[in-house]
Amino acid sequence: MTTTIRYGRSPIQLRMILQSALTREVSDASSTAPHLRRARVFDEGGRGLPLLVQPTEHWGTRHNREGKVVWAEQAIPAAVAELSSALA
């Protein structure tokens, strides 16, 4: 999200979808796709995407007419899924 705020183009949106998994989506009007890289000790950047995708099952980028959406899908523990269903 920080990279999107710093380098993305308005409008910037964050969307979280809780179903059988938690899906986080960050969208902006830029068409530049992110790439996963390994930050060195003294690098100021390069840590955001690895932090986002580390706990995830799947992640990716999709482009649309307005720009792009970077998404990450994370499994949720069964107890959290049951609680979510009960509250819905």
PDB file of N, CA and C in Angstrom:
ATOM      1  N   MET A   1       0.820  -1.189   0.000  1.00  0.00           N
ATOM      2  CA  MET A   1       0.000   0.000   0.000  1.00  0.00           C
ATOM      3  C   MET A   1       0.864   1.255   0.000  1.00  0.00           C
ATOM      4  N   THR A   2       1.953   1.239   0.742  1.00  0.00           N
ATOM      5  CA  THR A   2       2.822   2.412   0.794  1.00  0.00           C
ATOM      6  C   THR A   2       3.397   2.722  -0.578  1.00  0.00           C
ATOM      7  N   THR A   3       3.809   1.696  -1.303  1.00  0.00           N
ATOM      8  CA  THR A   3       4.350   1.896  -2.641  1.00  0.00           C
ATOM      9  C   THR A   3       3.287   2.496  -3.551  1.00  0.00           C
ATOM     10  N   THR A   4       2.059   2.042  -3.425  1.00  0.00           N
ATOM     11  CA  THR A   4       0.970   2.579  -4.238  1.00  0.00           C
ATOM     12  C   THR A   4       0.763   4.057  -3.936  1.00  0.00           C
ATOM     13  N   ILE A   5       0.796   4.416  -2.674  1.00  0.00           N
ATOM     14  CA  ILE A   5       0.609   5.818  -2.307  1.00  0.00           C
ATOM     15  C   ILE A   5       1.770   6.663  -2.831  1.00  0.00           C
ATOM     16  N   ARG A   6       2.970   6.112  -2.775  1.00  0.00           N
ATOM     17  CA  ARG A   6       4.150   6.866  -3.193  1.00  0.00           C
ATOM     18  C   ARG A   6       4.276   6.968  -4.714  1.00  0.00           C
ATOM     19  N   TYR A   7       4.010   5.879  -5.432  1.00  0.00           N
ATOM     20  CA  TYR A   7       4.260   5.853  -6.865  1.00  0.00           C
ATOM     21  C   TYR A   7       3.009   5.731  -7.730  1.00  0.00           C
ATOM     22  N   GLY A   8       1.885   5.343  -7.143  1.00  0.00           N
ATOM     23  CA  GLY A   8       0.676   5.129  -7.920  1.00  0.00           C
ATOM     24  C   GLY A   8       0.014   6.430  -8.329  1.00  0.00           C
ATOM     25  N   ARG A   9      -1.005   6.287  -9.164  1.00  0.00           N
ATOM     26  CA  ARG A   9      -1.763   7.454  -9.623  1.00  0.00           C
ATOM     27  C   ARG A   9      -3.187   7.358  -9.088  1.00  0.00           C
ATOM     28  N   SER A  10      -3.740   8.493  -8.728  1.00  0.00           N
ATOM     29  CA  SER A  10      -5.111   8.546  -8.207  1.00  0.00           C
ATOM     30  C   SER A  10      -6.099   8.117  -9.280  1.00  0.00           C
ATOM     31  N   PRO A  11      -7.210   7.528  -8.888  1.00  0.00           N
ATOM     32  CA  PRO A  11      -7.614   7.204  -7.524  1.00  0.00           C
ATOM     33  C   PRO A  11      -6.972   5.904  -7.035  1.00  0.00           C
ATOM     34  N   ILE A  12      -6.651   5.873  -5.762  1.00  0.00           N
ATOM     35  CA  ILE A  12      -6.078   4.692  -5.114  1.00  0.00           C
ATOM     36  C   ILE A  12      -7.143   4.113  -4.198  1.00  0.00           C
ATOM     37  N   GLN A  13      -7.332   2.801  -4.294  1.00  0.00           N
ATOM     38  CA  GLN A  13      -8.359   2.155  -3.476  1.00  0.00           C
ATOM     39  C   GLN A  13      -7.802   0.899  -2.834  1.00  0.00           C
ATOM     40  N   LEU A  14      -8.282   0.608  -1.639  1.00  0.00           N
ATOM     41  CA  LEU A  14      -7.968  -0.633  -0.927  1.00  0.00           C
ATOM     42  C   LEU A  14      -9.289  -1.354  -0.715  1.00  0.00           C
ATOM     43  N   ARG A  15      -9.300  -2.638  -1.046  1.00  0.00           N
ATOM     44  CA  ARG A  15     -10.507  -3.440  -0.856  1.00  0.00           C
ATOM     45  C   ARG A  15     -10.114  -4.748  -0.202  1.00  0.00           C
ATOM     46  N   MET A  16     -10.875  -5.154   0.810  1.00  0.00           N
ATOM     47  CA  MET A  16     -10.640  -6.427   1.489  1.00  0.00           C
ATOM     48  C   MET A  16     -11.917  -7.253   1.381  1.00  0.00           C
ATOM     49  N   ILE A  17     -11.761  -8.507   0.937  1.00  0.00           N
ATOM     50  CA  ILE A  17     -12.891  -9.395   0.722  1.00  0.00           C
ATOM     51  C   ILE A  17     -12.688 -10.625   1.589  1.00  0.00           C
ATOM     52  N   LEU A  18     -13.641 -10.880   2.469  1.00  0.00           N
ATOM     53  CA  LEU A  18     -13.559 -12.043   3.351  1.00  0.00           C
ATOM     54  C   LEU A  18     -14.601 -13.055   2.905  1.00  0.00           C
ATOM     55  N   GLN A  19     -14.132 -14.157   2.335  1.00  0.00           N
ATOM     56  CA  GLN A  19     -15.000 -15.269   1.955  1.00  0.00           C
ATOM     57  C   GLN A  19     -14.352 -16.519   2.523  1.00  0.00           C
ATOM     58  N   SER A  20     -14.027 -17.475   1.708  1.00  0.00           N
ATOM     59  CA  SER A  20     -13.320 -18.656   2.204  1.00  0.00           C
ATOM     60  C   SER A  20     -11.858 -18.332   2.475  1.00  0.00           C
ATOM     61  N   ALA A  21     -11.390 -17.203   1.951  1.00  0.00           N
ATOM     62  CA  ALA A  21     -10.045 -16.686   2.190  1.00  0.00           C
ATOM     63  C   ALA A  21     -10.157 -15.166   2.298  1.00  0.00           C
ATOM     64  N   LEU A  22      -9.102 -14.529   2.767  1.00  0.00           N
ATOM     65  CA  LEU A  22      -9.062 -13.074   2.819  1.00  0.00           C
ATOM     66  C   LEU A  22      -8.316 -12.591   1.582  1.00  0.00           C
ATOM     67  N   THR A  23      -8.982 -11.802   0.774  1.00  0.00           N
ATOM     68  CA  THR A  23      -8.360 -11.233  -0.418  1.00  0.00           C
ATOM     69  C   THR A  23      -8.198  -9.740  -0.206  1.00  0.00           C
ATOM     70  N   ARG A  24      -6.969  -9.255  -0.378  1.00  0.00           N
ATOM     71  CA  ARG A  24      -6.682  -7.822  -0.279  1.00  0.00           C
ATOM     72  C   ARG A  24      -6.361  -7.323  -1.673  1.00  0.00           C
ATOM     73  N   GLU A  25      -6.981  -6.234  -2.058  1.00  0.00           N
ATOM     74  CA  GLU A  25      -6.739  -5.641  -3.365  1.00  0.00           C
ATOM     75  C   GLU A  25      -6.362  -4.169  -3.197  1.00  0.00           C
ATOM     76  N   VAL A  26      -5.324  -3.764  -3.907  1.00  0.00           N
ATOM     77  CA  VAL A  26      -4.922  -2.365  -3.943  1.00  0.00           C
ATOM     78  C   VAL A  26      -4.935  -1.969  -5.413  1.00  0.00           C
ATOM     79  N   SER A  27      -5.698  -0.924  -5.728  1.00  0.00           N
ATOM     80  CA  SER A  27      -5.786  -0.508  -7.128  1.00  0.00           C
ATOM     81  C   SER A  27      -5.386   0.953  -7.268  1.00  0.00           C
ATOM     82  N   ASP A  28      -4.858   1.275  -8.444  1.00  0.00           N
ATOM     83  CA  ASP A  28      -4.527   2.655  -8.772  1.00  0.00           C
ATOM     84  C   ASP A  28      -4.584   2.807 -10.281  1.00  0.00           C
ATOM     85  N   ALA A  29      -4.438   4.027 -10.768  1.00  0.00           N
ATOM     86  CA  ALA A  29      -4.593   4.328 -12.190  1.00  0.00           C
ATOM     87  C   ALA A  29      -3.315   4.108 -12.993  1.00  0.00           C
ATOM     88  N   SER A  30      -2.241   3.704 -12.374  1.00  0.00           N
ATOM     89  CA  SER A  30      -0.995   3.435 -13.096  1.00  0.00           C
ATOM     90  C   SER A  30      -1.059   2.058 -13.739  1.00  0.00           C
ATOM     91  N   SER A  31      -0.427   1.911 -14.884  1.00  0.00           N
ATOM     92  CA  SER A  31      -0.400   0.604 -15.546  1.00  0.00           C
ATOM     93  C   SER A  31       0.881  -0.161 -15.248  1.00  0.00           C
ATOM     94  N   THR A  32       1.797   0.436 -14.498  1.00  0.00           N
ATOM     95  CA  THR A  32       3.068  -0.212 -14.181  1.00  0.00           C
ATOM     96  C   THR A  32       2.853  -1.340 -13.187  1.00  0.00           C
ATOM     97  N   ALA A  33       3.229  -2.555 -13.583  1.00  0.00           N
ATOM     98  CA  ALA A  33       3.052  -3.722 -12.715  1.00  0.00           C
ATOM     99  C   ALA A  33       4.211  -3.830 -11.729  1.00  0.00           C
ATOM    100  N   PRO A  34       3.923  -4.216 -10.501  1.00  0.00           N
ATOM    101  CA  PRO A  34       5.003  -4.387  -9.523  1.00  0.00           C
ATOM    102  C   PRO A  34       5.791  -5.652  -9.828  1.00  0.00           C
ATOM    103  N   HIS A  35       7.013  -5.688  -9.356  1.00  0.00           N
ATOM    104  CA  HIS A  35       7.801  -6.911  -9.484  1.00  0.00           C
ATOM    105  C   HIS A  35       8.443  -7.231  -8.145  1.00  0.00           C
ATOM    106  N   LEU A  36       8.502  -8.491  -7.859  1.00  0.00           N
ATOM    107  CA  LEU A  36       9.050  -8.960  -6.594  1.00  0.00           C
ATOM    108  C   LEU A  36      10.570  -8.895  -6.664  1.00  0.00           C
ATOM    109  N   ARG A  37      11.169  -8.237  -5.711  1.00  0.00           N
ATOM    110  CA  ARG A  37      12.631  -8.173  -5.663  1.00  0.00           C
ATOM    111  C   ARG A  37      13.093  -8.318  -4.225  1.00  0.00           C
ATOM    112  N   ARG A  38      14.326  -8.662  -4.052  1.00  0.00           N
ATOM    113  CA  ARG A  38      14.895  -8.824  -2.723  1.00  0.00           C
ATOM    114  C   ARG A  38      15.685  -7.574  -2.362  1.00  0.00           C
ATOM    115  N   ALA A  39      15.253  -6.913  -1.305  1.00  0.00           N
ATOM    116  CA  ALA A  39      15.937  -5.693  -0.860  1.00  0.00           C
ATOM    117  C   ALA A  39      17.233  -6.062  -0.152  1.00  0.00           C
ATOM    118  N   ARG A  40      18.262  -5.289  -0.430  1.00  0.00           N
ATOM    119  CA  ARG A  40      19.525  -5.463   0.290  1.00  0.00           C
ATOM    120  C   ARG A  40      19.453  -4.690   1.607  1.00  0.00           C
ATOM    121  N   VAL A  41      20.398  -4.872   2.463  1.00  0.00           N
ATOM    122  CA  VAL A  41      20.370  -4.296   3.809  1.00  0.00           C
ATOM    123  C   VAL A  41      20.167  -2.781   3.793  1.00  0.00           C
ATOM    124  N   PHE A  42      20.846  -2.074   2.910  1.00  0.00           N
ATOM    125  CA  PHE A  42      20.788  -0.618   2.925  1.00  0.00           C
ATOM    126  C   PHE A  42      19.803  -0.035   1.917  1.00  0.00           C
ATOM    127  N   ASP A  43      19.034  -0.867   1.224  1.00  0.00           N
ATOM    128  CA  ASP A  43      18.027  -0.370   0.285  1.00  0.00           C
ATOM    129  C   ASP A  43      16.887   0.287   1.054  1.00  0.00           C
ATOM    130  N   GLU A  44      16.389   1.394   0.525  1.00  0.00           N
ATOM    131  CA  GLU A  44      15.247   2.060   1.143  1.00  0.00           C
ATOM    132  C   GLU A  44      13.934   1.460   0.681  1.00  0.00           C
ATOM    133  N   GLY A  45      13.923   0.813  -0.455  1.00  0.00           N
ATOM    134  CA  GLY A  45      12.697   0.240  -0.987  1.00  0.00           C
ATOM    135  C   GLY A  45      12.850  -1.255  -1.228  1.00  0.00           C
ATOM    136  N   GLY A  46      11.799  -1.849  -1.751  1.00  0.00           N
ATOM    137  CA  GLY A  46      11.856  -3.255  -2.121  1.00  0.00           C
ATOM    138  C   GLY A  46      11.366  -4.221  -1.069  1.00  0.00           C
ATOM    139  N   ARG A  47      10.749  -3.716  -0.009  1.00  0.00           N
ATOM    140  CA  ARG A  47      10.286  -4.606   1.057  1.00  0.00           C
ATOM    141  C   ARG A  47       8.766  -4.759   1.096  1.00  0.00           C
ATOM    142  N   GLY A  48       8.018  -3.837   0.515  1.00  0.00           N
ATOM    143  CA  GLY A  48       6.563  -3.838   0.627  1.00  0.00           C
ATOM    144  C   GLY A  48       5.895  -5.051   0.016  1.00  0.00           C
ATOM    145  N   LEU A  49       6.192  -5.346  -1.247  1.00  0.00           N
ATOM    146  CA  LEU A  49       5.557  -6.482  -1.901  1.00  0.00           C
ATOM    147  C   LEU A  49       5.950  -7.804  -1.241  1.00  0.00           C
ATOM    148  N   PRO A  50       7.217  -8.036  -0.894  1.00  0.00           N
ATOM    149  CA  PRO A  50       7.530  -9.278  -0.179  1.00  0.00           C
ATOM    150  C   PRO A  50       6.775  -9.417   1.145  1.00  0.00           C
ATOM    151  N   LEU A  51       6.573  -8.321   1.867  1.00  0.00           N
ATOM    152  CA  LEU A  51       5.809  -8.384   3.114  1.00  0.00           C
ATOM    153  C   LEU A  51       4.346  -8.710   2.849  1.00  0.00           C
ATOM    154  N   LEU A  52       3.812  -8.188   1.759  1.00  0.00           N
ATOM    155  CA  LEU A  52       2.419  -8.444   1.411  1.00  0.00           C
ATOM    156  C   LEU A  52       2.196  -9.904   1.028  1.00  0.00           C
ATOM    157  N   VAL A  53       3.089 -10.458   0.223  1.00  0.00           N
ATOM    158  CA  VAL A  53       2.848 -11.796  -0.323  1.00  0.00           C
ATOM    159  C   VAL A  53       3.391 -12.931   0.544  1.00  0.00           C
ATOM    160  N   GLN A  54       4.204 -12.640   1.536  1.00  0.00           N
ATOM    161  CA  GLN A  54       4.786 -13.696   2.368  1.00  0.00           C
ATOM    162  C   GLN A  54       3.740 -14.611   3.014  1.00  0.00           C
ATOM    163  N   PRO A  55       2.680 -14.084   3.627  1.00  0.00           N
ATOM    164  CA  PRO A  55       1.710 -14.987   4.264  1.00  0.00           C
ATOM    165  C   PRO A  55       0.606 -15.466   3.312  1.00  0.00           C
ATOM    166  N   THR A  56       0.734 -15.216   2.020  1.00  0.00           N
ATOM    167  CA  THR A  56      -0.362 -15.493   1.101  1.00  0.00           C
ATOM    168  C   THR A  56      -0.238 -16.836   0.406  1.00  0.00           C
ATOM    169  N   GLU A  57      -1.373 -17.293  -0.090  1.00  0.00           N
ATOM    170  CA  GLU A  57      -1.442 -18.511  -0.896  1.00  0.00           C
ATOM    171  C   GLU A  57      -1.153 -18.164  -2.358  1.00  0.00           C
ATOM    172  N   HIS A  58      -1.775 -17.082  -2.828  1.00  0.00           N
ATOM    173  CA  HIS A  58      -1.665 -16.642  -4.216  1.00  0.00           C
ATOM    174  C   HIS A  58      -1.617 -15.121  -4.244  1.00  0.00           C
ATOM    175  N   TRP A  59      -1.001 -14.583  -5.285  1.00  0.00           N
ATOM    176  CA  TRP A  59      -1.035 -13.145  -5.489  1.00  0.00           C
ATOM    177  C   TRP A  59      -0.816 -12.863  -6.966  1.00  0.00           C
ATOM    178  N   GLY A  60      -1.164 -11.664  -7.379  1.00  0.00           N
ATOM    179  CA  GLY A  60      -0.972 -11.322  -8.784  1.00  0.00           C
ATOM    180  C   GLY A  60      -1.416  -9.907  -9.084  1.00  0.00           C
ATOM    181  N   THR A  61      -1.384  -9.594 -10.365  1.00  0.00           N
ATOM    182  CA  THR A  61      -1.781  -8.278 -10.852  1.00  0.00           C
ATOM    183  C   THR A  61      -2.738  -8.468 -12.007  1.00  0.00           C
ATOM    184  N   ARG A  62      -3.775  -7.679 -12.049  1.00  0.00           N
ATOM    185  CA  ARG A  62      -4.636  -7.670 -13.222  1.00  0.00           C
ATOM    186  C   ARG A  62      -4.821  -6.230 -13.673  1.00  0.00           C
ATOM    187  N   HIS A  63      -4.858  -6.054 -14.976  1.00  0.00           N
ATOM    188  CA  HIS A  63      -5.002  -4.725 -15.556  1.00  0.00           C
ATOM    189  C   HIS A  63      -6.441  -4.522 -16.013  1.00  0.00           C
ATOM    190  N   ASN A  64      -6.880  -3.296 -15.934  1.00  0.00           N
ATOM    191  CA  ASN A  64      -8.204  -2.930 -16.415  1.00  0.00           C
ATOM    192  C   ASN A  64      -8.124  -1.561 -17.075  1.00  0.00           C
ATOM    193  N   ARG A  65      -9.251  -1.036 -17.528  1.00  0.00           N
ATOM    194  CA  ARG A  65      -9.225   0.260 -18.217  1.00  0.00           C
ATOM    195  C   ARG A  65      -8.756   1.390 -17.320  1.00  0.00           C
ATOM    196  N   GLU A  66      -8.987   1.265 -16.022  1.00  0.00           N
ATOM    197  CA  GLU A  66      -8.632   2.328 -15.074  1.00  0.00           C
ATOM    198  C   GLU A  66      -7.201   2.229 -14.571  1.00  0.00           C
ATOM    199  N   GLY A  67      -6.489   1.147 -14.831  1.00  0.00           N
ATOM    200  CA  GLY A  67      -5.125   0.979 -14.331  1.00  0.00           C
ATOM    201  C   GLY A  67      -4.843  -0.465 -13.995  1.00  0.00           C
ATOM    202  N   LYS A  68      -4.542  -0.724 -12.727  1.00  0.00           N
ATOM    203  CA  LYS A  68      -4.225  -2.092 -12.316  1.00  0.00           C
ATOM    204  C   LYS A  68      -4.718  -2.360 -10.906  1.00  0.00           C
ATOM    205  N   VAL A  69      -4.811  -3.658 -10.589  1.00  0.00           N
ATOM    206  CA  VAL A  69      -5.168  -4.120  -9.252  1.00  0.00           C
ATOM    207  C   VAL A  69      -4.117  -5.148  -8.856  1.00  0.00           C
ATOM    208  N   VAL A  70      -3.477  -4.948  -7.719  1.00  0.00           N
ATOM    209  CA  VAL A  70      -2.570  -5.939  -7.146  1.00  0.00           C
ATOM    210  C   VAL A  70      -3.348  -6.629  -6.041  1.00  0.00           C
ATOM    211  N   TRP A  71      -3.413  -7.957  -6.093  1.00  0.00           N
ATOM    212  CA  TRP A  71      -4.221  -8.694  -5.138  1.00  0.00           C
ATOM    213  C   TRP A  71      -3.388  -9.784  -4.473  1.00  0.00           C
ATOM    214  N   ALA A  72      -3.796 -10.139  -3.272  1.00  0.00           N
ATOM    215  CA  ALA A  72      -3.154 -11.216  -2.511  1.00  0.00           C
ATOM    216  C   ALA A  72      -4.243 -11.955  -1.751  1.00  0.00           C
ATOM    217  N   GLU A  73      -4.197 -13.280  -1.821  1.00  0.00           N
ATOM    218  CA  GLU A  73      -5.207 -14.121  -1.170  1.00  0.00           C
ATOM    219  C   GLU A  73      -4.546 -14.915  -0.060  1.00  0.00           C
ATOM    220  N   GLN A  74      -5.099 -14.810   1.132  1.00  0.00           N
ATOM    221  CA  GLN A  74      -4.529 -15.450   2.309  1.00  0.00           C
ATOM    222  C   GLN A  74      -5.562 -16.370   2.953  1.00  0.00           C
ATOM    223  N   ALA A  75      -5.147 -17.595   3.238  1.00  0.00           N
ATOM    224  CA  ALA A  75      -6.036 -18.532   3.938  1.00  0.00           C
ATOM    225  C   ALA A  75      -6.312 -17.993   5.336  1.00  0.00           C
ATOM    226  N   ILE A  76      -7.507 -18.257   5.824  1.00  0.00           N
ATOM    227  CA  ILE A  76      -7.841 -17.829   7.173  1.00  0.00           C
ATOM    228  C   ILE A  76      -8.119 -19.064   8.028  1.00  0.00           C
ATOM    229  N   PRO A  77      -7.775 -19.006   9.302  1.00  0.00           N
ATOM    230  CA  PRO A  77      -8.029 -20.146  10.181  1.00  0.00           C
ATOM    231  C   PRO A  77      -9.514 -20.483  10.230  1.00  0.00           C
ATOM    232  N   ALA A  78      -9.850 -21.733  10.409  1.00  0.00           N
ATOM    233  CA  ALA A  78     -11.238 -22.181  10.410  1.00  0.00           C
ATOM    234  C   ALA A  78     -12.080 -21.456  11.461  1.00  0.00           C
ATOM    235  N   ALA A  79     -11.511 -21.193  12.630  1.00  0.00           N
ATOM    236  CA  ALA A  79     -12.263 -20.500  13.688  1.00  0.00           C
ATOM    237  C   ALA A  79     -12.672 -19.105  13.252  1.00  0.00           C
ATOM    238  N   VAL A  80     -11.802 -18.400  12.552  1.00  0.00           N
ATOM    239  CA  VAL A  80     -12.114 -17.057  12.067  1.00  0.00           C
ATOM    240  C   VAL A  80     -13.189 -17.135  10.993  1.00  0.00           C
ATOM    241  N   ALA A  81     -13.108 -18.128  10.123  1.00  0.00           N
ATOM    242  CA  ALA A  81     -14.111 -18.291   9.068  1.00  0.00           C
ATOM    243  C   ALA A  81     -15.481 -18.577   9.681  1.00  0.00           C
ATOM    244  N   GLU A  82     -15.523 -19.407  10.699  1.00  0.00           N
ATOM    245  CA  GLU A  82     -16.795 -19.709  11.368  1.00  0.00           C
ATOM    246  C   GLU A  82     -17.376 -18.472  12.039  1.00  0.00           C
ATOM    247  N   LEU A  83     -16.545 -17.697  12.700  1.00  0.00           N
ATOM    248  CA  LEU A  83     -16.992 -16.470  13.348  1.00  0.00           C
ATOM    249  C   LEU A  83     -17.515 -15.479  12.307  1.00  0.00           C
ATOM    250  N   SER A  84     -16.820 -15.365  11.206  1.00  0.00           N
ATOM    251  CA  SER A  84     -17.247 -14.460  10.132  1.00  0.00           C
ATOM    252  C   SER A  84     -18.605 -14.869   9.596  1.00  0.00           C
ATOM    253  N   SER A  85     -18.812 -16.165   9.406  1.00  0.00           N
ATOM    254  CA  SER A  85     -20.101 -16.655   8.895  1.00  0.00           C
ATOM    255  C   SER A  85     -21.211 -16.382   9.902  1.00  0.00           C
ATOM    256  N   ALA A  86     -20.907 -16.538  11.181  1.00  0.00           N
ATOM    257  CA  ALA A  86     -21.910 -16.319  12.218  1.00  0.00           C
ATOM    258  C   ALA A  86     -22.320 -14.847  12.298  1.00  0.00           C
ATOM    259  N   LEU A  87     -21.382 -13.945  12.019  1.00  0.00           N
ATOM    260  CA  LEU A  87     -21.677 -12.514  12.101  1.00  0.00           C
ATOM    261  C   LEU A  87     -22.369 -11.975  10.859  1.00  0.00           C
ATOM    262  N   ALA A  88     -22.296 -12.703   9.763  1.00  0.00           N
ATOM    263  CA  ALA A  88     -22.867 -12.226   8.488  1.00  0.00           C
ATOM    264  C   ALA A  88     -24.366 -12.262   8.449  1.00  0.00           C
TER     265      ALA A  88
END
